[in-house]
Protein backbone atom coordinates (compact mmCIF):
# COMPACT_ATOMS: atom_id res chain seq x y z
CA MET A 1 -100.04 100.12 153.76
CA LYS A 2 -97.42 100.31 151.03
CA LEU A 3 -96.56 97.13 149.22
CA GLY A 4 -92.90 97.46 150.13
CA ASN A 5 -93.77 97.08 153.79
CA ARG A 6 -95.62 93.84 153.12
CA ILE A 7 -92.96 91.98 151.18
CA VAL A 8 -92.04 88.61 152.59
CA LEU A 9 -89.36 86.10 151.75
CA ALA A 10 -86.88 88.84 150.94
CA PHE A 11 -84.07 86.34 151.33
CA VAL A 12 -85.43 84.46 148.31
CA LEU A 13 -84.99 87.55 146.15
CA GLY A 14 -81.43 88.02 147.33
CA ALA A 15 -80.64 84.42 146.53
CA PHE A 16 -82.26 84.82 143.13
CA LEU A 17 -80.13 87.84 142.24
CA ASN A 18 -76.96 85.90 143.00
CA CYS A 19 -78.32 83.01 140.97
CA ALA A 20 -79.24 85.31 138.07
CA ASN A 21 -75.73 86.78 137.96
CA LEU A 22 -74.25 83.31 137.81
CA ALA A 23 -76.72 82.31 135.10
CA VAL A 24 -75.79 85.34 132.99
CA ALA A 25 -72.17 84.35 133.38
CA LYS A 26 -73.21 80.90 132.05
CA SER A 27 -71.49 79.17 134.95
CA VAL A 28 -74.55 77.59 136.51
CA LYS A 29 -78.13 76.61 135.74
CA CYS A 30 -80.34 77.67 138.62
CA LYS A 31 -83.51 75.98 139.75
CA LEU A 32 -86.96 77.33 139.04
CA GLU A 33 -88.68 79.03 141.96
CA ILE A 34 -92.14 80.20 142.88
CA ALA A 35 -92.99 82.05 146.06
CA LYS A 36 -95.79 84.09 147.56
CA THR A 37 -93.82 87.31 147.86
CA GLY A 38 -96.27 89.88 149.14
CA SER A 39 -99.78 91.14 149.62
CA ALA A 40 -101.68 94.38 149.26
CA THR A 41 -105.26 95.63 149.24
CA ILE A 42 -107.47 96.56 146.31
CA ALA A 43 -111.03 97.75 146.94
CA GLY A 44 -110.59 96.80 150.60
CA GLN A 45 -109.74 93.17 149.85
CA THR A 46 -106.41 91.42 150.28
CA VAL A 47 -104.52 90.60 147.12
CA ASP A 48 -101.85 87.91 147.00
CA ILE A 49 -98.71 88.46 144.94
CA TYR A 50 -96.55 85.65 143.55
CA THR A 51 -93.14 85.67 141.90
CA LEU A 52 -92.07 83.06 139.35
CA ARG A 53 -88.38 82.82 138.49
CA ASN A 54 -86.31 80.60 136.25
CA GLY A 55 -82.62 79.84 135.99
CA ASN A 56 -81.96 82.32 133.18
CA GLY A 57 -82.84 85.45 135.13
CA MET A 58 -86.43 85.70 133.92
CA GLU A 59 -88.93 86.80 136.56
CA VAL A 60 -92.72 87.12 136.39
CA ARG A 61 -94.59 88.86 139.20
CA VAL A 62 -98.34 88.21 139.24
CA MET A 63 -101.30 88.92 141.51
CA ASN A 64 -104.57 87.07 141.94
CA TYR A 65 -106.58 90.24 141.29
CA GLY A 66 -107.32 89.96 137.57
CA GLY A 67 -104.43 87.53 137.09
CA VAL A 68 -102.48 90.72 136.39
CA ILE A 69 -98.84 90.45 135.37
CA LEU A 70 -97.27 93.23 137.42
CA ASN A 71 -93.67 92.84 136.26
CA LEU A 72 -91.92 90.72 133.67
CA ARG A 73 -88.15 90.94 133.80
CA VAL A 74 -86.07 89.44 131.00
CA PRO A 75 -82.39 89.85 130.05
CA ASP A 76 -81.17 91.85 127.07
CA LYS A 77 -78.30 90.83 124.79
CA ASN A 78 -75.80 91.86 127.48
CA GLY A 79 -77.59 89.99 130.25
CA LYS A 80 -79.11 93.14 131.78
CA LEU A 81 -82.55 92.56 133.27
CA ASP A 82 -85.39 95.01 132.62
CA ASP A 83 -89.11 95.03 133.29
CA VAL A 84 -90.69 94.93 129.81
CA VAL A 85 -94.39 95.37 130.70
CA LEU A 86 -96.42 98.46 131.51
CA GLY A 87 -98.28 98.83 134.80
CA PHE A 88 -98.56 100.62 138.12
CA ASP A 89 -96.57 100.83 141.35
CA ASN A 90 -99.74 101.77 143.23
CA LEU A 91 -101.78 98.58 143.02
CA GLU A 92 -105.00 100.43 143.82
CA GLN A 93 -104.80 101.82 140.28
CA TYR A 94 -105.55 98.35 138.92
CA GLY A 95 -109.03 98.69 140.42
CA SER A 96 -109.93 101.01 137.54
CA ASN A 97 -107.13 100.27 135.01
CA PRO A 98 -108.78 101.60 131.84
CA PRO A 99 -106.03 100.17 129.56
CA HIS A 100 -106.48 96.69 131.15
CA PHE A 101 -102.73 96.47 131.83
CA GLY A 102 -101.59 92.88 132.32
CA GLY A 103 -104.91 91.20 133.09
CA ILE A 104 -106.95 88.20 132.02
CA ILE A 105 -109.72 89.38 129.67
CA GLY A 106 -113.14 87.71 129.62
CA ARG A 107 -115.80 86.66 129.28
CA TYR A 108 -115.39 88.23 125.90
CA ALA A 109 -112.16 89.87 124.76
CA ASN A 110 -112.42 92.80 122.36
CA ARG A 111 -115.64 94.49 121.20
CA ILE A 112 -119.28 93.46 120.87
CA ALA A 113 -121.32 95.83 118.70
CA TYR A 114 -123.96 97.97 120.37
CA ALA A 115 -123.44 95.96 123.58
CA GLU A 116 -125.84 93.20 122.56
CA PHE A 117 -126.11 89.84 120.86
CA THR A 118 -128.81 87.23 120.27
CA LEU A 119 -128.21 83.58 121.12
CA ASP A 120 -130.74 80.77 120.65
CA GLY A 121 -133.47 83.37 120.10
CA VAL A 122 -132.73 85.32 123.30
CA LYS A 123 -131.35 88.87 123.18
CA TYR A 124 -128.69 89.73 125.75
CA THR A 125 -127.72 93.28 126.69
CA LEU A 126 -124.25 94.13 127.99
CA PRO A 127 -122.65 97.25 129.54
CA LYS A 128 -121.68 100.02 127.12
CA ASN A 129 -118.16 100.99 128.10
CA ASN A 130 -116.70 101.89 124.69
CA GLY A 131 -119.03 104.33 122.98
CA PRO A 132 -122.04 102.29 121.87
CA ASN A 133 -120.13 99.02 122.29
CA THR A 134 -118.94 96.62 124.95
CA LEU A 135 -115.15 96.35 125.19
CA HIS A 136 -113.49 93.47 127.09
CA SER A 137 -116.84 92.52 128.68
CA GLY A 138 -117.71 95.80 130.36
CA PHE A 139 -116.59 97.78 133.37
CA THR A 140 -115.78 94.75 135.56
CA GLY A 141 -114.37 92.05 133.31
CA PHE A 142 -112.10 89.22 134.40
CA ASP A 143 -109.15 91.60 134.90
CA LYS A 144 -111.06 93.27 137.76
CA VAL A 145 -112.16 90.28 139.83
CA PHE A 146 -110.45 88.16 142.47
CA TRP A 147 -109.27 84.73 141.35
CA SER A 148 -108.23 81.81 143.52
CA ALA A 149 -104.56 81.01 142.92
CA GLU A 150 -102.72 77.74 143.44
CA PRO A 151 -98.95 77.66 142.84
CA PHE A 152 -97.27 74.57 141.44
CA LYS A 153 -93.77 73.36 140.70
CA LYS A 154 -92.83 70.40 138.55
CA HIS A 155 -89.86 69.27 136.52
CA GLY A 156 -88.66 72.22 134.45
CA GLU A 157 -91.70 74.41 135.18
CA VAL A 158 -93.32 76.57 137.84
CA GLY A 159 -96.67 78.31 137.65
CA LEU A 160 -100.03 79.35 138.99
CA VAL A 161 -103.49 77.92 138.44
CA PHE A 162 -106.14 80.66 138.58
CA LYS A 163 -109.83 79.78 138.97
CA TYR A 164 -112.96 81.90 138.86
CA LEU A 165 -116.71 81.33 138.72
CA SER A 166 -118.41 83.84 136.46
CA LYS A 167 -122.02 83.68 137.55
CA ASP A 168 -125.07 83.66 135.32
CA GLY A 169 -125.92 87.26 134.38
CA GLU A 170 -122.50 88.71 135.18
CA ASN A 171 -122.13 91.75 132.91
CA GLY A 172 -125.24 90.49 131.09
CA PHE A 173 -123.72 87.20 129.86
CA PRO A 174 -125.69 83.96 130.29
CA GLY A 175 -124.57 80.87 132.19
CA ASN A 176 -122.48 79.96 135.21
CA VAL A 177 -119.02 79.64 133.71
CA HIS A 178 -116.14 77.94 135.54
CA VAL A 179 -112.88 79.36 134.20
CA THR A 180 -109.33 78.10 134.76
CA VAL A 181 -106.25 79.95 133.53
CA THR A 182 -102.80 78.46 134.12
CA TYR A 183 -99.60 80.50 133.88
CA THR A 184 -96.49 78.34 133.39
CA LEU A 185 -92.88 79.56 133.33
CA ALA A 186 -90.22 77.21 131.94
CA ASN A 187 -86.43 77.32 132.09
CA ASP A 188 -86.20 78.07 128.38
CA ASN A 189 -87.82 81.49 128.93
CA GLU A 190 -91.25 80.37 127.76
CA LEU A 191 -94.34 81.72 129.52
CA THR A 192 -97.45 79.73 128.60
CA PHE A 193 -101.12 80.53 129.22
CA ASP A 194 -103.64 77.70 129.19
CA TYR A 195 -107.32 78.66 129.25
CA SER A 196 -110.26 76.35 129.89
CA ALA A 197 -113.94 76.88 130.71
CA THR A 198 -117.24 75.05 131.10
CA THR A 199 -120.78 76.40 131.29
CA ASP A 200 -124.30 75.36 132.27
CA LYS A 201 -125.90 77.56 129.59
CA ALA A 202 -124.85 78.51 126.08
CA THR A 203 -122.64 81.60 126.17
CA PRO A 204 -119.97 83.39 124.11
CA ILE A 205 -116.43 83.08 125.43
CA ASN A 206 -113.23 84.68 124.20
CA LEU A 207 -110.29 84.80 126.60
CA THR A 208 -106.93 86.53 126.28
CA GLN A 209 -104.06 88.08 128.22
CA HIS A 210 -103.72 91.85 127.94
CA THR A 211 -100.13 92.69 128.78
CA TYR A 212 -98.61 95.79 127.19
CA PHE A 213 -94.98 95.33 126.12
CA ASN A 214 -92.03 97.60 125.59
CA LEU A 215 -89.02 95.37 124.99
CA ALA A 216 -86.65 98.30 125.53
CA GLY A 217 -87.93 98.34 129.11
CA ASP A 218 -90.94 99.94 130.76
CA GLY A 219 -90.61 103.72 130.68
CA HIS A 220 -87.88 103.61 128.04
CA GLY A 221 -89.80 105.51 125.37
CA LYS A 222 -91.96 104.51 122.46
CA ILE A 223 -92.39 101.20 120.67
CA LEU A 224 -92.13 102.74 117.20
CA GLY A 225 -88.65 101.30 116.64
CA HIS A 226 -89.72 97.74 117.46
CA VAL A 227 -89.78 95.36 114.51
CA LEU A 228 -92.91 93.23 114.11
CA THR A 229 -93.71 90.13 112.07
CA LEU A 230 -97.26 88.76 111.94
CA ASN A 231 -98.15 85.38 110.45
CA ALA A 232 -101.29 86.85 108.92
CA ASP A 233 -102.20 87.37 105.27
CA ASN A 234 -105.59 88.88 106.17
CA PHE A 235 -107.35 91.12 108.68
CA THR A 236 -110.92 92.03 109.56
CA PRO A 237 -111.66 95.65 108.55
CA THR A 238 -113.99 97.68 110.77
CA ASP A 239 -116.44 100.54 110.76
CA SER A 240 -115.77 103.83 112.54
CA ASN A 241 -116.59 102.23 115.91
CA LEU A 242 -113.91 99.55 115.37
CA ILE A 243 -116.56 96.87 114.83
CA PRO A 244 -115.83 94.31 112.06
CA ASN A 245 -117.91 94.83 108.95
CA GLY A 246 -117.86 91.08 108.23
CA GLU A 247 -115.22 91.24 105.51
CA ILE A 248 -111.91 89.34 105.48
CA ARG A 249 -109.41 91.52 103.60
CA SER A 250 -105.85 90.89 102.41
CA VAL A 251 -103.05 92.90 104.02
CA SER A 252 -101.06 92.77 100.79
CA GLU A 253 -99.76 96.16 99.62
CA THR A 254 -101.17 97.92 102.70
CA PRO A 255 -99.53 99.35 105.86
CA LEU A 256 -101.01 96.37 107.71
CA ASP A 257 -98.73 93.91 105.93
CA PHE A 258 -96.36 92.50 108.58
CA THR A 259 -95.88 89.15 106.85
CA LYS A 260 -92.23 90.19 106.64
CA PRO A 261 -90.46 92.05 109.49
CA HIS A 262 -91.30 95.73 109.52
CA VAL A 263 -90.52 98.65 111.83
CA ILE A 264 -93.78 99.60 113.54
CA GLY A 265 -93.30 103.36 113.22
CA ASP A 266 -92.52 103.40 109.51
CA ARG A 267 -96.13 103.35 108.28
CA ILE A 268 -98.24 104.12 111.33
CA ASN A 269 -99.10 107.65 110.18
CA ILE A 270 -99.97 106.80 106.57
CA LYS A 271 -103.43 108.07 105.58
CA TYR A 272 -104.83 104.58 105.07
CA GLU A 273 -108.46 104.36 106.18
CA PRO A 274 -108.12 101.44 108.66
CA LEU A 275 -105.18 103.23 110.32
CA VAL A 276 -107.01 106.55 110.42
CA ILE A 277 -110.12 104.95 111.97
CA ALA A 278 -108.09 103.25 114.70
CA ASN A 279 -105.67 106.14 115.31
CA GLY A 280 -102.86 103.69 114.61
CA TYR A 281 -102.75 99.91 114.77
CA ASP A 282 -105.72 98.33 116.54
CA HIS A 283 -106.62 95.49 114.21
CA ASN A 284 -107.61 91.86 114.30
CA PHE A 285 -105.22 89.82 112.14
CA VAL A 286 -106.28 86.38 110.91
CA ILE A 287 -103.48 83.93 111.70
CA ASN A 288 -102.42 81.71 108.79
CA GLY A 289 -103.11 78.02 109.24
CA LYS A 290 -106.05 75.79 110.11
CA GLY A 291 -106.89 73.60 113.05
CA ASN A 292 -106.45 73.92 116.79
CA ASP A 293 -102.73 73.24 117.01
CA LEU A 294 -100.24 75.78 118.34
CA LYS A 295 -99.30 78.12 115.47
CA PHE A 296 -96.70 80.86 115.14
CA ALA A 297 -98.53 84.20 115.38
CA ALA A 298 -96.05 87.03 115.92
CA ARG A 299 -92.41 87.97 116.41
CA LEU A 300 -91.44 91.24 118.06
CA THR A 301 -87.87 92.50 118.34
CA GLU A 302 -86.26 95.59 119.85
CA PRO A 303 -82.98 96.22 118.02
CA ILE A 304 -81.07 98.14 120.71
CA SER A 305 -81.67 95.71 123.60
CA GLY A 306 -81.76 92.69 121.30
CA ARG A 307 -84.82 91.32 123.10
CA VAL A 308 -87.14 89.09 121.11
CA LEU A 309 -90.70 87.98 121.87
CA GLU A 310 -92.30 85.19 119.82
CA VAL A 311 -96.01 84.47 120.23
CA SER A 312 -97.62 81.14 119.37
CA THR A 313 -101.28 80.28 119.90
CA THR A 314 -104.13 77.91 119.16
CA GLU A 315 -106.41 80.92 118.61
CA PRO A 316 -107.42 81.93 115.06
CA ALA A 317 -106.46 85.60 115.37
CA ILE A 318 -104.30 88.19 117.10
CA GLN A 319 -105.07 91.84 117.86
CA PHE A 320 -102.12 94.17 117.42
CA TYR A 321 -102.71 97.38 119.41
CA SER A 322 -100.09 100.14 119.34
CA GLY A 323 -101.08 102.02 122.50
CA ASN A 324 -103.09 104.57 120.54
CA PHE A 325 -105.11 105.93 123.45
CA LEU A 326 -102.39 106.29 126.06
CA ASP A 327 -102.37 110.05 126.58
CA GLY A 328 -100.08 110.89 129.48
CA LYS A 329 -102.84 110.93 132.09
CA LEU A 330 -101.94 107.57 133.61
CA VAL A 331 -98.90 107.57 135.90
CA GLY A 332 -97.25 104.19 135.85
CA LYS A 333 -94.19 102.60 137.41
CA ASN A 334 -91.48 104.88 138.78
CA GLY A 335 -93.73 107.90 138.24
CA TYR A 336 -93.62 107.60 134.45
CA ALA A 337 -96.65 109.05 132.64
CA TYR A 338 -97.58 106.76 129.77
CA GLN A 339 -97.79 108.52 126.43
CA GLN A 340 -99.18 107.34 123.11
CA ARG A 341 -97.11 104.44 121.67
CA ASP A 342 -95.24 103.75 124.93
CA GLY A 343 -96.42 100.14 124.83
CA LEU A 344 -98.16 97.63 122.59
CA ALA A 345 -100.40 94.62 123.05
CA LEU A 346 -100.53 91.36 121.09
CA GLU A 347 -103.83 89.78 122.11
CA THR A 348 -104.47 86.24 120.88
CA GLN A 349 -108.20 85.78 120.39
CA HIS A 350 -111.23 84.89 118.31
CA TYR A 351 -112.52 87.68 116.08
CA PRO A 352 -114.19 90.74 117.63
CA ASP A 353 -118.00 90.78 117.63
CA SER A 354 -118.17 87.12 116.59
CA PRO A 355 -121.55 86.55 118.32
CA ASN A 356 -123.03 88.95 115.75
CA HIS A 357 -121.22 87.45 112.74
CA PRO A 358 -122.21 83.82 112.16
CA GLN A 359 -119.67 83.54 109.32
CA PHE A 360 -116.79 84.07 111.80
CA PRO A 361 -115.31 81.16 113.79
CA SER A 362 -117.78 80.44 116.57
CA THR A 363 -117.18 81.61 120.13
CA ILE A 364 -120.26 79.87 121.56
CA LEU A 365 -119.62 77.43 124.41
CA ARG A 366 -122.45 75.04 125.27
CA PRO A 367 -123.16 72.75 128.25
CA GLY A 368 -121.17 69.54 128.02
CA GLN A 369 -118.38 71.21 126.04
CA THR A 370 -115.01 72.41 127.35
CA PHE A 371 -113.38 75.52 125.96
CA HIS A 372 -109.61 75.29 125.69
CA SER A 373 -106.95 77.49 124.19
CA GLN A 374 -103.24 78.04 124.68
CA THR A 375 -100.88 80.94 124.03
CA ARG A 376 -97.11 80.88 124.50
CA TYR A 377 -94.62 83.74 124.87
CA LYS A 378 -91.03 82.82 124.05
CA PHE A 379 -88.35 85.35 125.08
CA SER A 380 -84.83 85.35 123.66
CA VAL A 381 -82.15 87.75 122.42
CA GLU A 382 -80.41 88.41 119.16
CA LYS A 383 -77.07 90.18 118.85
């Protein structure tokens, strides 16, 4: 059954559109809303779909399969709403979803070398789904499982609390891990992700959100004209398999220097070894600043629409990925075939392959401890 035939609460959407028009006209401040707006099936199981809306016209549509962000609509400098994230109209496609569009990534975001690590003297073997390595935890990571979802609404915020039990041995990882991820939308166009986890056995954990952005609007061409700033003086160089070699290297005087705003497409084809290895930008940048407080990580702007995305996080790093391996084979929303550079990801995280690099910030969670991290997306416009 097509999703369109399963939509409920259509009257809420109509009311929202009127509210959004008024908000754009700056004549009214509308209330935040959250509603269960539909359902579908993936792999024979029912998926619930929720829509979060605020009084400024921002709308986030999410499903409990993978915690996937299906649509994220924000206004441009003229008040026009566009969906700025990549994805699929046919929700069954998320059952494979090789680019991991929009989902929660875990237990371990990014790569683990040769699909193995040793912890407390025990060697653990993981699925090889990226050459010799494990990428985003294997073939069935957190973006391809069903989460429980509990909506909430409180003063100035609406959101969803997702919960999942990752059982001992899932994808080769040790420990029963209880994971909670909370999505919160505020009236100031902030979308916040709070991650927490506990375990009954020592295990690596590295959680992120894997939305691909195009601030011009999904299907509106490449992201090469976007302007990016990264609060990162250093990055972690890799070998030919995109595994960190253990070094922390300065970005100064390299095409990876985004400490000041720079157009993404200007240097992406320079014959600089890290760019050649990754076929573009696919690098872990070390965020400036110490401690576990929320830190500015990235600012992304699209000059024509005027849309701005600012990313803040408690994580020590951010992976900037420029859609290098989109190749036109995936048909996304409105029948658009995604080509290389049609979207980008800004994944807040710990460093790739940290379980095999003791000098990197630790990703090991032990019994009695609680993992917690937070990442915030702030949307705005500039004229």
